[in-house]
């Protein structure tokens, strides 16, 4: 029995057994830690989704990094060649390994045949010796690249 001024307090006994853990011990993790963990998981998921949606990782992009600049390319009947401007926006250099005009293999290649990453160059494709082209004729030019891709464009032969 305790006395507090004129008030007497009695210690009450609880019925049943007491637990083995102290009354102030907590079970589980604190709400603050749980909130921090949930926010971190949300941020990681948001970064992964944004990377996939906006193509930041690059492994799923299907755009071709090497292209023919048709406006800067031309064929000339008198020189028996086509000068093809190739632009490489990719991360590694590519080499033009083959060329054809209207489905026939070109007699030879000249000019810049290796296009560095982020650069451009002009590849000269000489007409097959068995064919002669006239001004105004449309030709289909195809370039085979070292990375396995094929580029093609349609050009009008100049005089």
Protein backbone atom coordinates (compact mmCIF):
# COMPACT_ATOMS: atom_id res chain seq x y z
CA UNK A 1 0.00 0.00 0.00
CA UNK A 2 1.22 3.46 -0.91
CA UNK A 3 0.26 6.77 0.57
CA UNK A 4 0.16 9.91 -1.46
CA UNK A 5 -0.87 12.73 0.79
CA UNK A 6 -4.22 11.76 2.17
CA UNK A 7 -4.92 9.31 -0.69
CA UNK A 8 -4.06 5.70 -0.26
CA UNK A 9 -3.08 3.71 -3.30
CA UNK A 10 -3.18 -0.01 -3.37
CA UNK A 11 -1.20 -2.11 -5.68
CA UNK A 12 -3.52 -4.23 -7.72
CA UNK A 13 -2.54 -7.64 -8.90
CA UNK A 14 -3.44 -8.61 -12.41
CA UNK A 15 -5.09 -11.89 -12.93
CA UNK A 16 -3.46 -14.55 -15.05
CA UNK A 17 0.19 -14.96 -15.95
CA UNK A 18 2.47 -12.12 -16.81
CA UNK A 19 4.29 -12.17 -20.17
CA UNK A 20 7.97 -12.94 -20.29
CA UNK A 21 8.82 -9.76 -22.23
CA UNK A 22 8.99 -6.40 -20.57
CA UNK A 23 5.95 -4.15 -20.94
CA UNK A 24 7.87 -1.45 -22.86
CA UNK A 25 9.43 -3.83 -25.47
CA UNK A 26 8.07 -3.29 -29.00
CA UNK A 27 7.36 -5.83 -31.65
CA UNK A 28 8.29 -5.26 -35.38
CA UNK A 29 9.99 -2.27 -37.01
CA UNK A 30 9.24 1.34 -36.27
CA UNK A 31 6.79 3.20 -38.52
CA UNK A 32 9.51 5.70 -39.49
CA UNK A 33 11.82 2.95 -40.77
CA UNK A 34 8.93 1.29 -42.61
CA UNK A 35 8.08 4.59 -44.31
CA UNK A 36 11.68 5.15 -45.39
CA UNK A 37 11.87 1.64 -46.87
CA UNK A 38 8.60 2.12 -48.79
CA UNK A 39 9.77 5.46 -50.21
CA UNK A 40 13.10 3.93 -51.32
CA UNK A 41 11.33 1.04 -53.08
CA UNK A 42 8.95 3.48 -54.80
CA UNK A 43 11.86 5.60 -56.08
CA UNK A 44 13.70 2.56 -57.48
CA UNK A 45 10.57 1.37 -59.29
CA UNK A 46 9.92 4.88 -60.67
CA UNK A 47 13.48 5.09 -62.07
CA UNK A 48 13.16 1.67 -63.71
CA UNK A 49 9.82 2.54 -65.33
CA UNK A 50 11.08 5.94 -66.52
CA UNK A 51 14.19 4.32 -68.03
CA UNK A 52 12.09 1.80 -69.90
CA UNK A 53 9.49 4.32 -71.12
CA UNK A 54 11.95 6.97 -72.27
CA UNK A 55 14.55 4.52 -73.63
CA UNK A 56 17.32 5.68 -71.31
CA UNK A 57 18.90 2.25 -71.20
CA UNK A 58 19.20 1.93 -74.99
CA UNK A 59 19.05 -1.85 -75.19
CA UNK A 60 15.46 -1.86 -76.41
CA UNK A 61 15.76 0.95 -78.95
CA UNK A 62 15.12 -0.15 -82.52
CA UNK A 63 16.25 3.02 -84.30
CA UNK A 64 19.10 2.53 -86.70
CA UNK A 65 22.16 4.55 -85.72
CA UNK A 66 23.67 4.60 -89.23
CA UNK A 67 21.69 6.31 -92.00
CA UNK A 68 22.09 7.57 -95.55
CA UNK A 69 21.65 11.31 -95.96
CA UNK A 70 19.71 11.24 -99.24
CA UNK A 71 19.68 15.03 -99.65
CA UNK A 72 23.50 15.07 -99.72
CA UNK A 73 23.85 11.98 -101.95
CA UNK A 74 23.93 11.91 -105.75
CA UNK A 75 24.69 9.76 -108.79
CA UNK A 76 26.47 11.07 -111.89
CA UNK A 77 26.19 9.35 -115.27
CA UNK A 78 29.36 10.93 -116.72
CA UNK A 79 31.51 9.79 -113.77
CA UNK A 80 29.82 6.36 -113.53
CA UNK A 81 29.47 6.65 -109.76
CA UNK A 82 27.20 7.49 -106.84
CA UNK A 83 28.43 9.54 -103.91
CA UNK A 84 26.53 8.46 -100.80
CA UNK A 85 26.68 10.55 -97.60
CA UNK A 86 26.51 8.22 -94.58
CA UNK A 87 25.87 9.50 -91.05
CA UNK A 88 26.74 7.40 -87.97
CA UNK A 89 24.98 8.48 -84.77
CA UNK A 90 25.84 5.22 -83.00
CA UNK A 91 28.41 4.50 -80.35
CA UNK A 92 30.88 2.54 -82.50
CA UNK A 93 32.48 2.86 -85.91
CA UNK A 94 31.07 0.94 -88.89
CA UNK A 95 32.61 0.00 -92.22
CA UNK A 96 30.84 -0.18 -95.57
CA UNK A 97 31.75 -3.67 -96.79
CA UNK A 98 29.57 -4.02 -99.90
CA UNK A 99 27.40 -2.00 -102.24
CA UNK A 100 24.94 -2.64 -105.05
CA UNK A 101 23.07 -0.52 -107.58
CA UNK A 102 19.69 -1.83 -108.76
CA UNK A 103 20.57 -5.23 -107.26
CA UNK A 104 23.90 -5.60 -109.09
CA UNK A 105 27.14 -5.53 -107.11
CA UNK A 106 29.13 -2.35 -107.53
CA UNK A 107 32.40 -2.66 -109.38
CA UNK A 108 34.29 -0.99 -106.52
CA UNK A 109 34.05 1.33 -103.53
CA UNK A 110 35.96 4.52 -102.92
CA UNK A 111 35.97 7.42 -100.51
CA UNK A 112 35.42 7.01 -96.78
CA UNK A 113 34.52 3.40 -96.07
CA UNK A 114 34.85 3.48 -92.27
CA UNK A 115 32.49 5.91 -90.55
CA UNK A 116 33.53 6.80 -87.00
CA UNK A 117 31.05 6.97 -84.12
CA UNK A 118 29.19 10.29 -84.20
CA UNK A 119 30.67 11.19 -87.59
CA UNK A 120 29.79 11.11 -91.24
CA UNK A 121 31.53 10.42 -94.53
CA UNK A 122 31.01 10.05 -98.26
CA UNK A 123 31.20 6.60 -99.81
CA UNK A 124 31.76 6.46 -103.56
CA UNK A 125 30.03 3.53 -105.28
CA UNK A 126 31.11 2.88 -108.88
CA UNK A 127 28.55 1.57 -111.37
CA UNK A 128 28.90 -2.04 -112.50
CA UNK A 129 30.89 -2.09 -115.75
CA UNK A 130 28.11 -3.90 -117.64
CA UNK A 131 25.56 -1.14 -116.95
CA UNK A 132 25.42 2.44 -118.10
CA UNK A 133 22.91 4.84 -116.63
CA UNK A 134 21.41 7.94 -118.20
CA UNK A 135 20.44 11.24 -116.64
CA UNK A 136 16.98 11.18 -115.07
CA UNK A 137 17.00 7.44 -114.41
CA UNK A 138 16.15 6.28 -110.88
CA UNK A 139 18.53 3.85 -109.20
CA UNK A 140 18.27 1.89 -105.96
CA UNK A 141 21.56 1.97 -104.01
CA UNK A 142 22.21 -0.47 -101.13
CA UNK A 143 25.15 -0.45 -98.73
CA UNK A 144 26.14 -3.45 -96.59
CA UNK A 145 27.70 -2.56 -93.24
CA UNK A 146 30.13 -4.44 -91.02
CA UNK A 147 27.52 -4.64 -88.22
CA UNK A 148 25.22 -6.70 -90.49
CA UNK A 149 22.77 -3.91 -91.34
CA UNK A 150 21.86 -2.87 -94.88
CA UNK A 151 21.13 0.72 -95.85
CA UNK A 152 19.25 1.63 -99.00
CA UNK A 153 18.13 4.76 -100.80
CA UNK A 154 16.67 5.72 -104.16
CA UNK A 155 18.52 8.38 -106.17
CA UNK A 156 18.05 10.07 -109.54
CA UNK A 157 21.05 9.96 -111.87
CA UNK A 158 22.42 13.37 -112.89
CA UNK A 159 24.22 14.06 -116.16
